[in-house]
């Protein structure tokens, strides 16, 4: 068995990955609040931004954490198409859950179905990302820990969608984001505790890209997107602010007789 190190770079990757999960959650919640106060195309655009933010935040959290993943006795590479597919899955399934809640008439049913679908999708993203790993050896999983990670993903996703529907104030959004970031990080590291590797040394060169060649620049790019979008959302006026700033309608004159 190869020794697995989930924090080969120290506390840098766990802390930074948690921060990115919190940023994605905070941005998604603020966008959802804006969406619920809008109609038509504006609501659709805000929900799409919320889905992109949350999906990107979850994916970035996972792969920043994976920058610290190391297996003794073998190099680690990543299959580029599978890694990119995991990003698409993350955004797509989170989008399905966000839109289900944003447009659902029966809130409880939409929340339950959206949370289940989104949670399963987040778990699928995680294990699809793990399937992208290339190393000299065989990767195995503890079924109980895998199941536990899926349960955590579903609970975290449902909580995120509930928060999007019920939390309004900036202070509450901040607290909820910290909790959601912790839930997403817990899901990731629970899933990683399920992993075992049986190393089989081989002179054959591994296919794929190293984490620094591919994962790091992509994570930096997505992280920059999250921070820039957060700044845009923070600076853009809310519907209440626009209404307050709108000029008052002219008084209606009484008809003269």
C-alpha atoms as a PDB file:
ATOM      1  CA  UNK A   1       0.000   0.000   0.000  1.00  0.00           C
ATOM      2  CA  UNK A   2       1.235   3.472  -0.840  1.00  0.00           C
ATOM      3  CA  UNK A   3       1.228   6.093   1.883  1.00  0.00           C
ATOM      4  CA  UNK A   4      -1.296   8.831   1.110  1.00  0.00           C
ATOM      5  CA  UNK A   5      -0.585  12.403   2.115  1.00  0.00           C
ATOM      6  CA  UNK A   6      -3.581  14.722   1.788  1.00  0.00           C
ATOM      7  CA  UNK A   7      -1.653  17.807   2.855  1.00  0.00           C
ATOM      8  CA  UNK A   8       1.762  17.459   1.259  1.00  0.00           C
ATOM      9  CA  UNK A   9       2.024  21.270   1.097  1.00  0.00           C
ATOM     10  CA  UNK A  10       1.044  21.715   4.733  1.00  0.00           C
ATOM     11  CA  UNK A  11      -2.049  23.658   5.766  1.00  0.00           C
ATOM     12  CA  UNK A  12      -1.930  25.832   2.658  1.00  0.00           C
ATOM     13  CA  UNK A  13      -4.150  23.660   0.459  1.00  0.00           C
ATOM     14  CA  UNK A  14      -6.809  22.742   3.079  1.00  0.00           C
ATOM     15  CA  UNK A  15      -7.182  26.376   4.179  1.00  0.00           C
ATOM     16  CA  UNK A  16      -7.149  27.823   0.652  1.00  0.00           C
ATOM     17  CA  UNK A  17      -9.622  25.212  -0.602  1.00  0.00           C
ATOM     18  CA  UNK A  18     -11.967  26.037   2.294  1.00  0.00           C
ATOM     19  CA  UNK A  19     -11.722  29.746   1.471  1.00  0.00           C
ATOM     20  CA  UNK A  20     -12.640  29.076  -2.161  1.00  0.00           C
ATOM     21  CA  UNK A  21     -15.635  26.966  -1.110  1.00  0.00           C
ATOM     22  CA  UNK A  22     -16.809  29.819   1.143  1.00  0.00           C
ATOM     23  CA  UNK A  23     -16.355  32.427  -1.601  1.00  0.00           C
ATOM     24  CA  UNK A  24     -18.335  30.324  -4.083  1.00  0.00           C
ATOM     25  CA  UNK A  25     -21.098  29.753  -1.534  1.00  0.00           C
ATOM     26  CA  UNK A  26     -21.296  33.437  -0.573  1.00  0.00           C
ATOM     27  CA  UNK A  27     -21.462  34.555  -4.191  1.00  0.00           C
ATOM     28  CA  UNK A  28     -24.117  31.954  -5.017  1.00  0.00           C
ATOM     29  CA  UNK A  29     -26.262  33.027  -2.060  1.00  0.00           C
ATOM     30  CA  UNK A  30     -26.055  36.723  -2.948  1.00  0.00           C
ATOM     31  CA  UNK A  31     -26.968  35.957  -6.570  1.00  0.00           C
ATOM     32  CA  UNK A  32     -29.901  33.815  -5.444  1.00  0.00           C
ATOM     33  CA  UNK A  33     -31.168  36.651  -3.245  1.00  0.00           C
ATOM     34  CA  UNK A  34     -30.990  38.958  -6.274  1.00  0.00           C
ATOM     35  CA  UNK A  35     -32.753  36.362  -8.431  1.00  0.00           C
ATOM     36  CA  UNK A  36     -35.669  35.937  -6.046  1.00  0.00           C
ATOM     37  CA  UNK A  37     -36.233  39.689  -6.172  1.00  0.00           C
ATOM     38  CA  UNK A  38     -36.192  39.796  -9.970  1.00  0.00           C
ATOM     39  CA  UNK A  39     -38.372  38.514 -12.789  1.00  0.00           C
ATOM     40  CA  UNK A  40     -37.985  37.393 -16.382  1.00  0.00           C
ATOM     41  CA  UNK A  41     -34.537  37.476 -17.948  1.00  0.00           C
ATOM     42  CA  UNK A  42     -32.968  39.125 -14.890  1.00  0.00           C
ATOM     43  CA  UNK A  43     -34.016  36.223 -12.646  1.00  0.00           C
ATOM     44  CA  UNK A  44     -32.656  33.693 -15.135  1.00  0.00           C
ATOM     45  CA  UNK A  45     -29.324  35.529 -15.379  1.00  0.00           C
ATOM     46  CA  UNK A  46     -28.912  35.780 -11.606  1.00  0.00           C
ATOM     47  CA  UNK A  47     -29.726  32.086 -11.154  1.00  0.00           C
ATOM     48  CA  UNK A  48     -27.227  31.151 -13.881  1.00  0.00           C
ATOM     49  CA  UNK A  49     -24.558  33.224 -12.140  1.00  0.00           C
ATOM     50  CA  UNK A  50     -25.409  31.581  -8.801  1.00  0.00           C
ATOM     51  CA  UNK A  51     -25.110  28.107 -10.333  1.00  0.00           C
ATOM     52  CA  UNK A  52     -21.801  28.944 -12.000  1.00  0.00           C
ATOM     53  CA  UNK A  53     -20.420  30.423  -8.794  1.00  0.00           C
ATOM     54  CA  UNK A  54     -21.397  27.500  -6.574  1.00  0.00           C
ATOM     55  CA  UNK A  55     -20.361  24.830  -9.092  1.00  0.00           C
ATOM     56  CA  UNK A  56     -17.046  26.557  -9.784  1.00  0.00           C
ATOM     57  CA  UNK A  57     -16.423  27.084  -6.075  1.00  0.00           C
ATOM     58  CA  UNK A  58     -16.984  23.405  -5.301  1.00  0.00           C
ATOM     59  CA  UNK A  59     -14.780  22.261  -8.181  1.00  0.00           C
ATOM     60  CA  UNK A  60     -12.021  24.734  -7.294  1.00  0.00           C
ATOM     61  CA  UNK A  61     -12.171  23.634  -3.659  1.00  0.00           C
ATOM     62  CA  UNK A  62     -11.735  19.988  -4.690  1.00  0.00           C
ATOM     63  CA  UNK A  63      -8.767  20.500  -6.972  1.00  0.00           C
ATOM     64  CA  UNK A  64      -6.952  23.032  -4.800  1.00  0.00           C
ATOM     65  CA  UNK A  65      -7.164  20.396  -2.071  1.00  0.00           C
ATOM     66  CA  UNK A  66      -5.826  17.865  -4.585  1.00  0.00           C
ATOM     67  CA  UNK A  67      -2.710  20.016  -5.087  1.00  0.00           C
ATOM     68  CA  UNK A  68      -1.659  18.697  -1.678  1.00  0.00           C
ATOM     69  CA  UNK A  69      -2.404  15.044  -2.548  1.00  0.00           C
ATOM     70  CA  UNK A  70       0.657  12.797  -2.792  1.00  0.00           C
ATOM     71  CA  UNK A  71       1.227   9.046  -2.949  1.00  0.00           C
ATOM     72  CA  UNK A  72       4.567   7.583  -1.902  1.00  0.00           C
ATOM     73  CA  UNK A  73       6.211   5.404  -4.522  1.00  0.00           C
ATOM     74  CA  UNK A  74       4.501   6.885  -7.595  1.00  0.00           C
ATOM     75  CA  UNK A  75       3.981  10.099  -9.443  1.00  0.00           C
ATOM     76  CA  UNK A  76       0.470  11.482  -9.884  1.00  0.00           C
ATOM     77  CA  UNK A  77      -0.958  12.800 -13.148  1.00  0.00           C
ATOM     78  CA  UNK A  78      -4.408  14.015 -14.227  1.00  0.00           C
ATOM     79  CA  UNK A  79      -6.390  13.093 -17.317  1.00  0.00           C
ATOM     80  CA  UNK A  80      -7.232  16.509 -18.808  1.00  0.00           C
ATOM     81  CA  UNK A  81     -10.556  15.678 -20.570  1.00  0.00           C
ATOM     82  CA  UNK A  82     -11.953  13.890 -17.499  1.00  0.00           C
ATOM     83  CA  UNK A  83     -10.898  16.742 -15.248  1.00  0.00           C
ATOM     84  CA  UNK A  84     -12.638  19.277 -17.477  1.00  0.00           C
ATOM     85  CA  UNK A  85     -15.706  17.029 -17.641  1.00  0.00           C
ATOM     86  CA  UNK A  86     -15.875  17.040 -13.845  1.00  0.00           C
ATOM     87  CA  UNK A  87     -16.038  20.860 -13.970  1.00  0.00           C
ATOM     88  CA  UNK A  88     -18.904  20.740 -16.483  1.00  0.00           C
ATOM     89  CA  UNK A  89     -20.746  18.208 -14.307  1.00  0.00           C
ATOM     90  CA  UNK A  90     -20.309  20.386 -11.216  1.00  0.00           C
ATOM     91  CA  UNK A  91     -21.765  23.488 -12.872  1.00  0.00           C
ATOM     92  CA  UNK A  92     -24.543  21.592 -14.681  1.00  0.00           C
ATOM     93  CA  UNK A  93     -25.912  19.682 -11.691  1.00  0.00           C
ATOM     94  CA  UNK A  94     -25.703  22.688  -9.382  1.00  0.00           C
ATOM     95  CA  UNK A  95     -27.497  24.689 -12.071  1.00  0.00           C
ATOM     96  CA  UNK A  96     -30.276  22.103 -12.219  1.00  0.00           C
ATOM     97  CA  UNK A  97     -30.780  22.337  -8.464  1.00  0.00           C
ATOM     98  CA  UNK A  98     -30.647  26.138  -8.351  1.00  0.00           C
ATOM     99  CA  UNK A  99     -33.146  26.553 -11.199  1.00  0.00           C
ATOM    100  CA  UNK A 100     -35.460  23.911  -9.712  1.00  0.00           C
ATOM    101  CA  UNK A 101     -35.621  25.894  -6.489  1.00  0.00           C
ATOM    102  CA  UNK A 102     -35.683  29.292  -8.195  1.00  0.00           C
ATOM    103  CA  UNK A 103     -38.675  28.419 -10.374  1.00  0.00           C
ATOM    104  CA  UNK A 104     -40.340  25.672  -8.331  1.00  0.00           C
ATOM    105  CA  UNK A 105     -43.921  26.306  -7.212  1.00  0.00           C
ATOM    106  CA  UNK A 106     -43.878  23.650  -4.502  1.00  0.00           C
ATOM    107  CA  UNK A 107     -40.911  24.860  -2.451  1.00  0.00           C
ATOM    108  CA  UNK A 108     -40.514  21.766  -0.283  1.00  0.00           C
ATOM    109  CA  UNK A 109     -40.627  19.344  -3.182  1.00  0.00           C
ATOM    110  CA  UNK A 110     -38.291  21.484  -5.274  1.00  0.00           C
ATOM    111  CA  UNK A 111     -35.880  21.739  -2.338  1.00  0.00           C
ATOM    112  CA  UNK A 112     -35.884  17.984  -1.723  1.00  0.00           C
ATOM    113  CA  UNK A 113     -35.445  17.035  -5.375  1.00  0.00           C
ATOM    114  CA  UNK A 114     -32.986  19.840  -6.066  1.00  0.00           C
ATOM    115  CA  UNK A 115     -30.901  18.985  -3.003  1.00  0.00           C
ATOM    116  CA  UNK A 116     -30.819  15.281  -3.873  1.00  0.00           C
ATOM    117  CA  UNK A 117     -29.905  15.874  -7.516  1.00  0.00           C
ATOM    118  CA  UNK A 118     -27.309  18.508  -6.685  1.00  0.00           C
ATOM    119  CA  UNK A 119     -25.751  16.444  -3.900  1.00  0.00           C
ATOM    120  CA  UNK A 120     -25.469  13.377  -6.112  1.00  0.00           C
ATOM    121  CA  UNK A 121     -24.013  15.571  -8.828  1.00  0.00           C
ATOM    122  CA  UNK A 122     -21.409  17.036  -6.473  1.00  0.00           C
ATOM    123  CA  UNK A 123     -20.441  13.514  -5.407  1.00  0.00           C
ATOM    124  CA  UNK A 124     -20.256  12.514  -9.075  1.00  0.00           C
ATOM    125  CA  UNK A 125     -17.980  15.493  -9.719  1.00  0.00           C
ATOM    126  CA  UNK A 126     -15.704  14.423  -6.861  1.00  0.00           C
ATOM    127  CA  UNK A 127     -15.377  10.822  -7.948  1.00  0.00           C
ATOM    128  CA  UNK A 128     -15.116  11.753 -11.621  1.00  0.00           C
ATOM    129  CA  UNK A 129     -12.223  13.996 -10.626  1.00  0.00           C
ATOM    130  CA  UNK A 130     -10.708  11.050  -8.749  1.00  0.00           C
ATOM    131  CA  UNK A 131     -11.179   8.867 -11.847  1.00  0.00           C
ATOM    132  CA  UNK A 132      -8.985  11.391 -13.668  1.00  0.00           C
ATOM    133  CA  UNK A 133      -6.035  10.422 -11.454  1.00  0.00           C
ATOM    134  CA  UNK A 134      -3.237   8.554 -13.196  1.00  0.00           C
ATOM    135  CA  UNK A 135      -0.616   6.759 -11.109  1.00  0.00           C
ATOM    136  CA  UNK A 136       1.386   3.541 -11.003  1.00  0.00           C
ATOM    137  CA  UNK A 137      -0.952   1.316  -9.043  1.00  0.00           C
ATOM    138  CA  UNK A 138      -4.579   0.565  -8.277  1.00  0.00           C
ATOM    139  CA  UNK A 139      -6.985   2.904  -6.476  1.00  0.00           C
ATOM    140  CA  UNK A 140      -9.550   1.318  -4.155  1.00  0.00           C
ATOM    141  CA  UNK A 141     -12.413   2.767  -2.121  1.00  0.00           C
ATOM    142  CA  UNK A 142     -14.010   1.993   1.235  1.00  0.00           C
ATOM    143  CA  UNK A 143     -17.746   1.605   0.414  1.00  0.00           C
ATOM    144  CA  UNK A 144     -18.888   2.935   3.799  1.00  0.00           C
ATOM    145  CA  UNK A 145     -16.808   6.112   3.527  1.00  0.00           C
ATOM    146  CA  UNK A 146     -17.960   6.628  -0.052  1.00  0.00           C
ATOM    147  CA  UNK A 147     -21.600   6.348   1.041  1.00  0.00           C
ATOM    148  CA  UNK A 148     -20.954   8.739   3.931  1.00  0.00           C
ATOM    149  CA  UNK A 149     -19.398  11.293   1.582  1.00  0.00           C
ATOM    150  CA  UNK A 150     -22.455  11.094  -0.690  1.00  0.00           C
ATOM    151  CA  UNK A 151     -24.796  11.654   2.277  1.00  0.00           C
ATOM    152  CA  UNK A 152     -22.743  14.685   3.335  1.00  0.00           C
ATOM    153  CA  UNK A 153     -22.882  16.015  -0.248  1.00  0.00           C
ATOM    154  CA  UNK A 154     -26.691  15.698  -0.376  1.00  0.00           C
ATOM    155  CA  UNK A 155     -27.133  17.350   3.040  1.00  0.00           C
ATOM    156  CA  UNK A 156     -24.724  20.159   2.118  1.00  0.00           C
ATOM    157  CA  UNK A 157     -26.448  20.752  -1.227  1.00  0.00           C
ATOM    158  CA  UNK A 158     -29.903  20.810   0.357  1.00  0.00           C
ATOM    159  CA  UNK A 159     -28.690  23.225   3.025  1.00  0.00           C
ATOM    160  CA  UNK A 160     -27.182  25.474   0.344  1.00  0.00           C
ATOM    161  CA  UNK A 161     -30.437  25.584  -1.627  1.00  0.00           C
ATOM    162  CA  UNK A 162     -32.462  26.183   1.544  1.00  0.00           C
ATOM    163  CA  UNK A 163     -30.138  29.040   2.465  1.00  0.00           C
ATOM    164  CA  UNK A 164     -30.601  30.533  -0.977  1.00  0.00           C
ATOM    165  CA  UNK A 165     -34.358  30.618  -0.414  1.00  0.00           C
ATOM    166  CA  UNK A 166     -34.421  31.822   3.182  1.00  0.00           C
ATOM    167  CA  UNK A 167     -31.342  33.923   3.911  1.00  0.00           C
ATOM    168  CA  UNK A 168     -31.410  37.594   2.979  1.00  0.00           C
ATOM    169  CA  UNK A 169     -29.121  39.781   5.085  1.00  0.00           C
ATOM    170  CA  UNK A 170     -25.372  40.059   4.303  1.00  0.00           C
ATOM    171  CA  UNK A 171     -24.415  38.964   7.835  1.00  0.00           C
ATOM    172  CA  UNK A 172     -26.550  35.816   7.579  1.00  0.00           C
ATOM    173  CA  UNK A 173     -25.100  35.091   4.133  1.00  0.00           C
ATOM    174  CA  UNK A 174     -21.575  35.342   5.561  1.00  0.00           C
ATOM    175  CA  UNK A 175     -22.337  32.886   8.380  1.00  0.00           C
ATOM    176  CA  UNK A 176     -24.119  30.490   6.024  1.00  0.00           C
ATOM    177  CA  UNK A 177     -21.176  30.621   3.608  1.00  0.00           C
ATOM    178  CA  UNK A 178     -18.725  29.615   6.341  1.00  0.00           C
ATOM    179  CA  UNK A 179     -20.951  26.672   7.295  1.00  0.00           C
ATOM    180  CA  UNK A 180     -21.456  25.612   3.677  1.00  0.00           C
ATOM    181  CA  UNK A 181     -17.722  25.860   2.983  1.00  0.00           C
ATOM    182  CA  UNK A 182     -17.100  23.565   5.922  1.00  0.00           C
ATOM    183  CA  UNK A 183     -19.717  21.106   4.691  1.00  0.00           C
ATOM    184  CA  UNK A 184     -18.221  20.961   1.187  1.00  0.00           C
ATOM    185  CA  UNK A 185     -14.705  20.530   2.603  1.00  0.00           C
ATOM    186  CA  UNK A 186     -15.962  17.769   4.906  1.00  0.00           C
ATOM    187  CA  UNK A 187     -17.467  15.956   1.937  1.00  0.00           C
ATOM    188  CA  UNK A 188     -14.159  16.166   0.060  1.00  0.00           C
ATOM    189  CA  UNK A 189     -11.956  14.886   2.865  1.00  0.00           C
ATOM    190  CA  UNK A 190     -14.454  12.186   3.823  1.00  0.00           C
ATOM    191  CA  UNK A 191     -14.288  10.997   0.218  1.00  0.00           C
ATOM    192  CA  UNK A 192     -10.494  11.111   0.347  1.00  0.00           C
ATOM    193  CA  UNK A 193     -10.460   8.985   3.510  1.00  0.00           C
ATOM    194  CA  UNK A 194     -12.215   6.319   1.432  1.00  0.00           C
ATOM    195  CA  UNK A 195      -9.211   6.097  -0.901  1.00  0.00           C
ATOM    196  CA  UNK A 196      -6.492   3.474  -0.724  1.00  0.00           C
ATOM    197  CA  UNK A 197      -3.720   2.944  -3.263  1.00  0.00           C
ATOM    198  CA  UNK A 198      -1.832  -0.243  -4.004  1.00  0.00           C
ATOM    199  CA  UNK A 199       1.343   0.968  -5.695  1.00  0.00           C
ATOM    200  CA  UNK A 200       2.800  -1.060  -8.583  1.00  0.00           C
ATOM    201  CA  UNK A 201       6.089   0.574  -9.635  1.00  0.00           C
ATOM    202  CA  UNK A 202       6.585   0.742 -13.397  1.00  0.00           C
ATOM    203  CA  UNK A 203       9.107   2.382 -15.732  1.00  0.00           C
ATOM    204  CA  UNK A 204       6.269   3.347 -18.073  1.00  0.00           C
ATOM    205  CA  UNK A 205       5.690   7.074 -18.271  1.00  0.00           C
ATOM    206  CA  UNK A 206       2.316   8.193 -16.955  1.00  0.00           C
ATOM    207  CA  UNK A 207      -0.076   9.935 -19.300  1.00  0.00           C
ATOM    208  CA  UNK A 208      -1.720  13.205 -18.371  1.00  0.00           C
ATOM    209  CA  UNK A 209      -0.625  16.494 -16.840  1.00  0.00           C
ATOM    210  CA  UNK A 210       0.868  17.213 -13.454  1.00  0.00           C
ATOM    211  CA  UNK A 211      -1.110  19.247 -10.956  1.00  0.00           C
ATOM    212  CA  UNK A 212       1.144  22.283 -11.435  1.00  0.00           C
ATOM    213  CA  UNK A 213       0.958  22.055 -15.226  1.00  0.00           C
ATOM    214  CA  UNK A 214      -2.840  21.937 -15.434  1.00  0.00           C
ATOM    215  CA  UNK A 215      -4.772  21.994 -12.155  1.00  0.00           C
ATOM    216  CA  UNK A 216      -2.983  24.969 -10.613  1.00  0.00           C
ATOM    217  CA  UNK A 217      -3.406  27.452 -13.509  1.00  0.00           C
ATOM    218  CA  UNK A 218      -7.025  26.383 -14.055  1.00  0.00           C
ATOM    219  CA  UNK A 219      -7.813  26.762 -10.345  1.00  0.00           C
ATOM    220  CA  UNK A 220      -6.182  30.205 -10.328  1.00  0.00           C
ATOM    221  CA  UNK A 221      -8.268  31.242 -13.337  1.00  0.00           C
ATOM    222  CA  UNK A 222     -11.525  30.032 -11.799  1.00  0.00           C
ATOM    223  CA  UNK A 223     -10.638  31.582  -8.467  1.00  0.00           C
ATOM    224  CA  UNK A 224     -10.047  34.911 -10.209  1.00  0.00           C
ATOM    225  CA  UNK A 225     -13.449  34.578 -11.857  1.00  0.00           C
ATOM    226  CA  UNK A 226     -15.088  34.076  -8.461  1.00  0.00           C
ATOM    227  CA  UNK A 227     -13.425  37.115  -6.916  1.00  0.00           C
ATOM    228  CA  UNK A 228     -14.112  39.382  -9.912  1.00  0.00           C
ATOM    229  CA  UNK A 229     -17.747  38.277 -10.062  1.00  0.00           C
ATOM    230  CA  UNK A 230     -18.048  38.838  -6.312  1.00  0.00           C
ATOM    231  CA  UNK A 231     -16.833  42.409  -6.802  1.00  0.00           C
ATOM    232  CA  UNK A 232     -19.338  42.957  -9.618  1.00  0.00           C
ATOM    233  CA  UNK A 233     -22.236  41.638  -7.533  1.00  0.00           C
ATOM    234  CA  UNK A 234     -21.185  43.692  -4.521  1.00  0.00           C
ATOM    235  CA  UNK A 235     -21.040  46.883  -6.604  1.00  0.00           C
ATOM    236  CA  UNK A 236     -24.206  46.350  -8.627  1.00  0.00           C
ATOM    237  CA  UNK A 237     -27.328  47.947  -7.120  1.00  0.00           C
ATOM    238  CA  UNK A 238     -30.120  45.791  -5.759  1.00  0.00           C
ATOM    239  CA  UNK A 239     -33.702  46.068  -6.946  1.00  0.00           C
ATOM    240  CA  UNK A 240     -34.585  48.022  -3.789  1.00  0.00           C
ATOM    241  CA  UNK A 241     -31.690  50.429  -4.369  1.00  0.00           C
ATOM    242  CA  UNK A 242     -32.713  51.023  -7.980  1.00  0.00           C
ATOM    243  CA  UNK A 243     -36.288  51.616  -6.926  1.00  0.00           C
ATOM    244  CA  UNK A 244     -35.201  54.094  -4.245  1.00  0.00           C
ATOM    245  CA  UNK A 245     -32.970  55.939  -6.715  1.00  0.00           C
ATOM    246  CA  UNK A 246     -35.637  56.135  -9.423  1.00  0.00           C
ATOM    247  CA  UNK A 247     -37.148  59.618  -9.867  1.00  0.00           C
ATOM    248  CA  UNK A 248     -40.597  60.068  -8.418  1.00  0.00           C
ATOM    249  CA  UNK A 249     -43.394  60.135 -10.988  1.00  0.00           C
ATOM    250  CA  UNK A 250     -44.757  63.597 -11.766  1.00  0.00           C
ATOM    251  CA  UNK A 251     -47.926  64.555  -9.905  1.00  0.00           C
ATOM    252  CA  UNK A 252     -51.138  63.986 -11.749  1.00  0.00           C
ATOM    253  CA  UNK A 253     -52.931  67.255 -12.396  1.00  0.00           C
ATOM    254  CA  UNK A 254     -56.633  67.444 -11.810  1.00  0.00           C
ATOM    255  CA  UNK A 255     -58.588  68.041 -14.976  1.00  0.00           C
ATOM    256  CA  UNK A 256     -59.914  71.574 -15.279  1.00  0.00           C
ATOM    257  CA  UNK A 257     -63.555  72.095 -15.886  1.00  0.00           C
END
